[in-house]
Amino acid sequence: MSILFIGKRFYTNRDAYTEKFGRIYQLPYYWSKEIETSLWLVDYHSKDKIKDKHNSLNILSTPLFSLIFLFNILKTIFIYRPKTIVASGDCYIGLFAYILAKLCRSKFIFDVYDKYDAFSGYRNLGFNNLFVFLLKHADTCFFASKKLKSNSEQLCKKTILVPNGVDTNHFYPRDKTQSRKYFNLDQNKIYVGYFGSMEIERGIDDLITAVKLLRKDNKNIYLLLGGKKRDDLNLEHEFINYLGNVPFKNIPIAMACCDILTLPYRTSEFLDNASSCKISEYIEMGIPIVATKSENNLNHLPSMINHKAIFCSTENPTQLADSIQKQFTHLNNIFTKNQKNTWETISIALFKNSF
């Protein structure tokens, strides 16, 4: 085996296996077109045992506490002996892959798509700083965001920026009328949309307040939401259409129902270092966007910071409402698509530079 990619099966409220979601699935999938590659998904949540193949990509998903998990460790050490082991998901996956790489005498690559030590429940497991330890001991570190790379590269032997990409076969402009029929939505309403996680730092509370303000002058404005709702978030308002945690395959259809898409992120240590997949997904849909001036948005959206109809201050519902209203009158303000931002382009370029 040439490359073993170890990642979490479930992350960001998505299933990497069934939904072929994100970098944990897409990077090894495209590498497998060039070289023998296997994807090992570690399942923290279910008891599913899966062995599959997607074209040239070998896929194994094992529960963390299971005999098959232990059996695959032995097979990796004594039979497969991959030349390179890539870890992605959190510091625990990273530590496991690092130890496995040592036992196999493999190259160890640490893929850092978020600031893992800012995760809730993060523990150092007896290390002074497990995250720093992994950065220092990896042969190469991949980083999803420029800020995270900049803040960490002095610790690493080698760093490469690997932004999150987008599947343009899945995210592309769709007919609004047909999309609204799919979700049984009113064709005459104006929908402001947000799709994704709904933690406080994502700014959903600010967005709800902003839509309330807009409705003082126009009762035909509604908020369309999709994603996993946090327990204390109140969505019981007449102007909110909550679609639930929409399956990944249906998210582009839900986005296409909207007149405007929003990124109301606040400032936080976690989000400022993150690289949100939905930014590229929003852009590919060809729908006007309103975003806050959070570091996450500014680092990953094209440079249009001075366009007041698009960007507004964080944690300021009044400015957010004003920007949405202005965008209604400038609906041709659509971000230019970036053809270099597809998962295929990113993966193949990374393969040529790293393996």
Protein backbone atom coordinates (compact mmCIF):
# COMPACT_ATOMS: atom_id res chain seq x y z
CA MET A 1 0.00 0.00 0.00
CA SER A 2 1.29 3.48 -0.85
CA ILE A 3 -1.05 5.84 1.05
CA LEU A 4 -3.25 5.13 4.06
CA PHE A 5 -5.59 8.00 4.91
CA ILE A 6 -7.07 7.76 8.42
CA GLY A 7 -9.98 10.05 9.26
CA LYS A 8 -13.15 10.38 11.32
CA ARG A 9 -16.23 8.92 9.72
CA PHE A 10 -18.56 11.51 11.27
CA TYR A 11 -17.51 15.16 11.41
CA THR A 12 -19.20 18.55 11.08
CA ASN A 13 -22.53 16.70 11.38
CA ARG A 14 -21.84 14.78 8.18
CA ASP A 15 -21.03 11.19 7.28
CA ALA A 16 -17.82 11.03 5.27
CA TYR A 17 -18.69 7.56 3.95
CA THR A 18 -22.34 7.71 2.87
CA GLU A 19 -22.21 11.35 1.76
CA LYS A 20 -18.69 11.21 0.27
CA PHE A 21 -18.23 14.34 2.29
CA GLY A 22 -15.35 16.77 2.54
CA ARG A 23 -11.58 16.43 2.52
CA ILE A 24 -11.54 13.18 4.49
CA TYR A 25 -13.24 11.46 1.56
CA GLN A 26 -12.38 13.62 -1.44
CA LEU A 27 -8.59 13.90 -1.04
CA PRO A 28 -7.91 10.14 -0.89
CA TYR A 29 -10.52 9.48 -3.57
CA TYR A 30 -8.67 11.58 -6.15
CA TRP A 31 -5.25 10.36 -4.98
CA SER A 32 -6.45 6.80 -5.61
CA LYS A 33 -6.66 7.65 -9.31
CA GLU A 34 -2.90 8.20 -9.27
CA ILE A 35 -1.56 5.72 -6.71
CA GLU A 36 -2.75 2.88 -4.48
CA THR A 37 -4.73 4.56 -1.66
CA SER A 38 -6.88 3.29 1.19
CA LEU A 39 -9.27 5.24 3.40
CA TRP A 40 -9.71 4.05 6.99
CA LEU A 41 -12.61 5.75 8.73
CA VAL A 42 -12.64 5.57 12.51
CA ASP A 43 -16.21 5.57 13.78
CA TYR A 44 -16.73 7.16 17.20
CA HIS A 45 -20.53 6.92 17.10
CA SER A 46 -21.91 3.77 15.48
CA LYS A 47 -21.16 0.04 15.45
CA ASP A 48 -21.13 -0.18 11.64
CA LYS A 49 -18.40 -2.29 10.07
CA ILE A 50 -17.96 -1.37 6.43
CA LYS A 51 -15.64 -2.61 3.72
CA ASP A 52 -16.17 -1.01 0.33
CA LYS A 53 -14.51 0.23 -2.82
CA HIS A 54 -15.21 3.41 -4.81
CA ASN A 55 -13.51 3.02 -8.16
CA SER A 56 -9.84 2.68 -7.12
CA LEU A 57 -10.30 3.81 -3.50
CA ASN A 58 -10.34 1.06 -0.87
CA ILE A 59 -12.60 2.00 2.05
CA LEU A 60 -12.79 0.55 5.55
CA SER A 61 -14.90 1.94 8.38
CA THR A 62 -14.51 0.45 11.86
CA PRO A 63 -15.97 1.28 15.27
CA LEU A 64 -13.28 2.60 17.58
CA PHE A 65 -13.80 -0.08 20.21
CA SER A 66 -14.01 -3.27 18.17
CA LEU A 67 -11.99 -6.35 17.29
CA ILE A 68 -11.94 -5.35 13.62
CA PHE A 69 -10.27 -2.06 14.62
CA LEU A 70 -7.51 -3.96 16.44
CA PHE A 71 -7.26 -6.52 13.62
CA ASN A 72 -6.75 -3.77 11.05
CA ILE A 73 -3.96 -2.25 13.14
CA LEU A 74 -2.12 -5.59 12.98
CA LYS A 75 -2.74 -5.94 9.23
CA THR A 76 -1.46 -2.40 8.65
CA ILE A 77 1.74 -3.07 10.61
CA PHE A 78 2.57 -6.56 9.33
CA ILE A 79 0.92 -6.77 5.90
CA TYR A 80 -0.02 -3.42 4.31
CA ARG A 81 2.93 -1.33 5.61
CA PRO A 82 1.91 1.90 3.79
CA LYS A 83 4.64 4.25 2.66
CA THR A 84 2.66 7.29 3.84
CA ILE A 85 0.01 7.65 6.55
CA VAL A 86 -2.19 10.76 6.54
CA ALA A 87 -4.27 11.68 9.62
CA SER A 88 -7.28 13.97 9.51
CA GLY A 89 -10.05 14.66 12.00
CA ASP A 90 -8.65 15.55 15.42
CA CYS A 91 -5.56 15.13 17.62
CA TYR A 92 -6.56 11.62 18.69
CA ILE A 93 -6.66 10.43 15.08
CA GLY A 94 -3.37 12.27 14.67
CA LEU A 95 -1.70 10.53 17.61
CA PHE A 96 -2.97 7.13 16.48
CA ALA A 97 -1.64 7.69 12.96
CA TYR A 98 1.69 8.98 14.28
CA ILE A 99 2.24 5.84 16.38
CA LEU A 100 1.15 3.63 13.48
CA ALA A 101 3.53 5.45 11.13
CA LYS A 102 6.40 4.88 13.57
CA LEU A 103 5.62 1.16 13.75
CA CYS A 104 5.37 0.93 9.95
CA ARG A 105 8.35 3.26 9.37
CA SER A 106 6.04 5.36 7.21
CA LYS A 107 5.98 9.04 6.42
CA PHE A 108 3.47 10.82 8.70
CA ILE A 109 1.32 13.67 7.37
CA PHE A 110 -0.94 15.60 9.73
CA ASP A 111 -3.94 17.19 7.99
CA VAL A 112 -5.20 20.12 10.09
CA TYR A 113 -8.56 21.35 8.82
CA ASP A 114 -9.52 23.07 12.10
CA LYS A 115 -7.77 24.26 15.25
CA TYR A 116 -8.14 20.90 16.93
CA ASP A 117 -7.13 22.08 20.41
CA ALA A 118 -10.12 24.45 20.35
CA PHE A 119 -12.55 21.53 20.02
CA SER A 120 -14.85 21.07 23.00
CA GLY A 121 -13.71 18.13 25.06
CA TYR A 122 -10.11 18.35 23.82
CA ARG A 123 -7.63 16.62 26.14
CA ASN A 124 -3.82 16.50 26.00
CA LEU A 125 -3.72 12.83 27.06
CA GLY A 126 -0.66 13.35 29.26
CA PHE A 127 1.23 15.53 26.76
CA ASN A 128 2.12 19.12 27.61
CA ASN A 129 0.36 20.05 24.36
CA LEU A 130 -0.71 17.17 22.10
CA PHE A 131 -1.59 19.45 19.18
CA VAL A 132 1.85 21.08 19.22
CA PHE A 133 3.53 17.68 19.60
CA LEU A 134 1.85 16.41 16.42
CA LEU A 135 2.70 19.57 14.48
CA LYS A 136 6.36 19.22 15.45
CA HIS A 137 6.63 15.50 14.74
CA ALA A 138 4.78 15.33 11.43
CA ASP A 139 6.91 15.06 8.30
CA THR A 140 4.44 17.39 6.59
CA CYS A 141 1.45 19.39 7.85
CA PHE A 142 -1.52 20.27 5.63
CA PHE A 143 -3.58 23.30 6.69
CA ALA A 144 -7.06 24.21 5.46
CA SER A 145 -6.82 27.91 6.35
CA LYS A 146 -4.13 30.55 5.78
CA LYS A 147 -4.41 31.82 9.35
CA LEU A 148 -3.96 28.38 10.87
CA LYS A 149 -0.98 27.72 8.61
CA SER A 150 0.60 31.07 9.42
CA ASN A 151 0.19 30.57 13.17
CA SER A 152 1.58 27.03 13.13
CA GLU A 153 4.20 26.80 10.40
CA GLN A 154 7.10 27.75 12.70
CA LEU A 155 6.45 24.47 14.53
CA CYS A 156 6.39 22.26 11.44
CA LYS A 157 9.08 20.74 9.25
CA LYS A 158 7.04 21.40 6.12
CA THR A 159 3.66 23.07 5.60
CA ILE A 160 1.27 23.08 2.66
CA LEU A 161 -1.97 25.08 2.32
CA VAL A 162 -4.77 22.68 1.34
CA PRO A 163 -8.05 24.63 1.30
CA ASN A 164 -11.42 22.93 1.36
CA GLY A 165 -12.77 22.40 -2.12
CA VAL A 166 -16.15 21.97 -3.74
CA ASP A 167 -17.73 19.30 -5.91
CA THR A 168 -19.02 21.24 -8.92
CA ASN A 169 -20.97 18.19 -10.07
CA HIS A 170 -23.06 18.64 -6.93
CA PHE A 171 -23.06 22.39 -6.33
CA TYR A 172 -24.18 24.41 -9.37
CA PRO A 173 -27.00 26.86 -10.20
CA ARG A 174 -30.43 25.25 -10.20
CA ASP A 175 -33.92 26.37 -11.10
CA LYS A 176 -35.47 28.23 -8.17
CA THR A 177 -39.07 27.29 -9.03
CA GLN A 178 -38.33 23.57 -9.26
CA SER A 179 -36.21 23.68 -6.11
CA ARG A 180 -39.03 25.30 -4.14
CA LYS A 181 -41.46 22.69 -5.43
CA TYR A 182 -39.13 19.98 -4.11
CA PHE A 183 -39.39 21.42 -0.58
CA ASN A 184 -43.01 22.55 -0.97
CA LEU A 185 -42.09 26.21 -0.42
CA ASP A 186 -44.13 29.25 -1.42
CA GLN A 187 -43.02 30.56 -4.83
CA ASN A 188 -43.91 34.16 -3.94
CA LYS A 189 -41.93 34.55 -0.73
CA ILE A 190 -38.46 36.06 -0.43
CA TYR A 191 -36.09 33.64 1.27
CA VAL A 192 -32.90 34.56 3.07
CA GLY A 193 -30.94 31.33 3.57
CA TYR A 194 -28.37 29.77 5.84
CA PHE A 195 -27.24 26.14 5.80
CA GLY A 196 -24.85 24.54 8.24
CA SER A 197 -24.03 24.26 11.92
CA MET A 198 -26.00 26.51 14.27
CA GLU A 199 -23.70 27.11 17.22
CA ILE A 200 -23.78 30.63 18.70
CA GLU A 201 -20.49 31.55 17.00
CA ARG A 202 -22.06 30.86 13.60
CA GLY A 203 -24.21 33.98 14.07
CA ILE A 204 -27.62 32.37 13.59
CA ASP A 205 -29.07 34.41 16.48
CA ASP A 206 -27.90 37.59 14.74
CA LEU A 207 -29.43 36.43 11.47
CA ILE A 208 -32.80 35.74 13.09
CA THR A 209 -32.79 39.23 14.63
CA ALA A 210 -31.78 40.76 11.27
CA VAL A 211 -34.71 39.09 9.48
CA LYS A 212 -37.06 40.34 12.21
CA LEU A 213 -35.83 43.87 11.47
CA LEU A 214 -36.31 43.43 7.72
CA ARG A 215 -39.86 42.22 8.22
CA LYS A 216 -40.87 45.52 9.81
CA ASP A 217 -40.94 46.92 6.26
CA ASN A 218 -41.59 43.75 4.29
CA LYS A 219 -43.58 40.86 5.75
CA ASN A 220 -42.80 38.76 2.68
CA ILE A 221 -39.21 38.13 3.79
CA TYR A 222 -38.62 34.72 5.37
CA LEU A 223 -35.65 32.83 6.75
CA LEU A 224 -34.85 29.41 5.31
CA LEU A 225 -32.60 27.27 7.49
CA GLY A 226 -31.05 23.83 7.14
CA GLY A 227 -28.62 22.10 9.48
CA LYS A 228 -28.31 20.61 12.94
CA LYS A 229 -30.07 22.86 15.45
CA ARG A 230 -28.48 23.45 18.83
CA ASP A 231 -30.73 22.60 21.77
CA ASP A 232 -31.29 26.14 23.08
CA LEU A 233 -31.95 27.78 19.70
CA ASN A 234 -35.55 28.93 19.30
CA LEU A 235 -36.78 28.53 15.72
CA GLU A 236 -40.46 28.78 16.61
CA HIS A 237 -41.12 31.95 14.61
CA GLU A 238 -43.70 32.39 11.87
CA PHE A 239 -41.05 33.71 9.49
CA ILE A 240 -38.66 30.74 9.83
CA ASN A 241 -38.83 27.71 7.58
CA TYR A 242 -36.58 25.10 9.18
CA LEU A 243 -35.87 22.16 6.88
CA GLY A 244 -34.04 20.12 9.51
CA ASN A 245 -30.59 18.63 9.05
CA VAL A 246 -30.92 18.34 5.27
CA PRO A 247 -29.14 15.34 3.69
CA PHE A 248 -25.98 16.48 1.92
CA LYS A 249 -27.33 15.40 -1.48
CA ASN A 250 -30.28 17.82 -1.07
CA ILE A 251 -28.39 20.85 0.24
CA PRO A 252 -27.83 22.40 -3.23
CA ILE A 253 -31.57 22.13 -3.90
CA ALA A 254 -32.31 23.89 -0.59
CA MET A 255 -29.76 26.62 -1.39
CA ALA A 256 -31.32 27.15 -4.81
CA CYS A 257 -34.63 28.06 -3.11
CA CYS A 258 -33.06 31.23 -1.73
CA ASP A 259 -32.87 34.78 -3.03
CA ILE A 260 -29.85 35.52 -0.83
CA LEU A 261 -27.46 33.26 1.08
CA THR A 262 -25.81 34.41 4.28
CA LEU A 263 -22.61 33.80 6.26
CA PRO A 264 -23.34 35.59 9.55
CA TYR A 265 -20.27 34.25 11.38
CA ARG A 266 -19.06 35.84 14.59
CA THR A 267 -15.45 36.09 15.73
CA SER A 268 -14.07 33.14 17.73
CA GLU A 269 -10.77 31.31 18.09
CA PHE A 270 -12.26 28.24 16.44
CA LEU A 271 -14.00 29.91 13.49
CA ASP A 272 -11.23 32.42 12.79
CA ASN A 273 -8.88 29.51 12.12
CA ALA A 274 -11.39 27.46 10.16
CA SER A 275 -12.05 27.01 6.46
CA SER A 276 -15.77 26.53 5.90
CA CYS A 277 -16.76 24.23 3.03
CA LYS A 278 -19.99 26.14 2.55
CA ILE A 279 -18.22 29.32 1.38
CA SER A 280 -17.16 27.66 -1.88
CA GLU A 281 -20.48 25.83 -2.08
CA TYR A 282 -22.40 29.12 -1.80
CA ILE A 283 -20.29 30.71 -4.55
CA GLU A 284 -20.86 27.81 -6.94
CA MET A 285 -24.64 28.19 -6.59
CA GLY A 286 -24.50 31.61 -8.28
CA ILE A 287 -26.73 33.24 -5.64
CA PRO A 288 -25.97 36.66 -4.03
CA ILE A 289 -24.20 36.38 -0.67
CA VAL A 290 -24.12 38.57 2.43
CA ALA A 291 -21.31 37.90 4.89
CA THR A 292 -19.87 39.36 8.06
CA LYS A 293 -16.29 40.56 8.29
CA SER A 294 -15.17 37.58 10.32
CA GLU A 295 -11.65 36.33 9.62
CA ASN A 296 -13.08 33.10 8.26
CA ASN A 297 -15.13 34.93 5.64
CA LEU A 298 -12.51 37.52 4.74
CA ASN A 299 -9.80 34.90 4.31
CA HIS A 300 -11.84 32.69 2.03
CA LEU A 301 -14.13 34.99 0.05
CA PRO A 302 -12.76 36.96 -2.91
CA SER A 303 -11.45 40.42 -2.08
CA MET A 304 -14.62 42.52 -2.04
CA ILE A 305 -14.27 43.84 1.49
CA ASN A 306 -15.23 47.39 0.61
CA HIS A 307 -18.51 46.41 -1.00
CA LYS A 308 -20.98 47.45 1.70
CA ALA A 309 -23.85 45.49 0.15
CA ILE A 310 -21.97 42.28 0.79
CA PHE A 311 -19.92 42.64 3.97
CA CYS A 312 -20.98 43.92 7.39
CA SER A 313 -19.67 43.92 10.94
CA THR A 314 -19.85 40.80 13.08
CA GLU A 315 -22.44 40.52 15.88
CA ASN A 316 -24.40 43.47 14.48
CA PRO A 317 -27.92 42.42 13.37
CA THR A 318 -28.76 45.97 12.28
CA GLN A 319 -25.85 46.11 9.85
CA LEU A 320 -26.58 42.57 8.72
CA ALA A 321 -30.19 43.55 7.94
CA ASP A 322 -28.98 46.65 6.11
CA SER A 323 -26.56 44.61 3.98
CA ILE A 324 -29.28 42.09 3.10
CA GLN A 325 -31.61 44.91 2.12
CA LYS A 326 -28.93 46.51 -0.08
CA GLN A 327 -28.19 43.17 -1.69
CA PHE A 328 -31.86 42.88 -2.67
CA THR A 329 -31.34 45.93 -4.89
CA HIS A 330 -28.05 44.63 -6.33
CA LEU A 331 -28.83 41.01 -7.02
CA ASN A 332 -26.16 40.89 -9.74
CA ASN A 333 -23.49 41.09 -7.01
CA ILE A 334 -22.42 37.49 -7.39
CA PHE A 335 -18.95 36.23 -6.55
CA THR A 336 -16.82 34.97 -9.44
CA LYS A 337 -16.41 31.22 -9.40
CA ASN A 338 -12.93 29.79 -8.86
CA GLN A 339 -12.24 26.82 -11.11
CA LYS A 340 -9.08 26.03 -9.13
CA ASN A 341 -11.17 25.38 -6.02
CA THR A 342 -12.62 21.99 -6.95
CA TRP A 343 -11.72 18.92 -4.93
CA GLU A 344 -10.25 17.29 -8.03
CA THR A 345 -7.95 20.23 -8.84
CA ILE A 346 -6.82 20.63 -5.21
CA SER A 347 -6.24 16.89 -4.71
CA ILE A 348 -4.23 16.29 -7.89
CA ALA A 349 -2.08 19.40 -7.39
CA LEU A 350 -1.40 18.30 -3.80
CA PHE A 351 -0.51 14.78 -4.92
CA LYS A 352 2.05 16.09 -7.40
CA ASN A 353 3.67 18.30 -4.75
CA SER A 354 3.60 15.88 -1.81
CA PHE A 355 4.02 12.25 -2.92
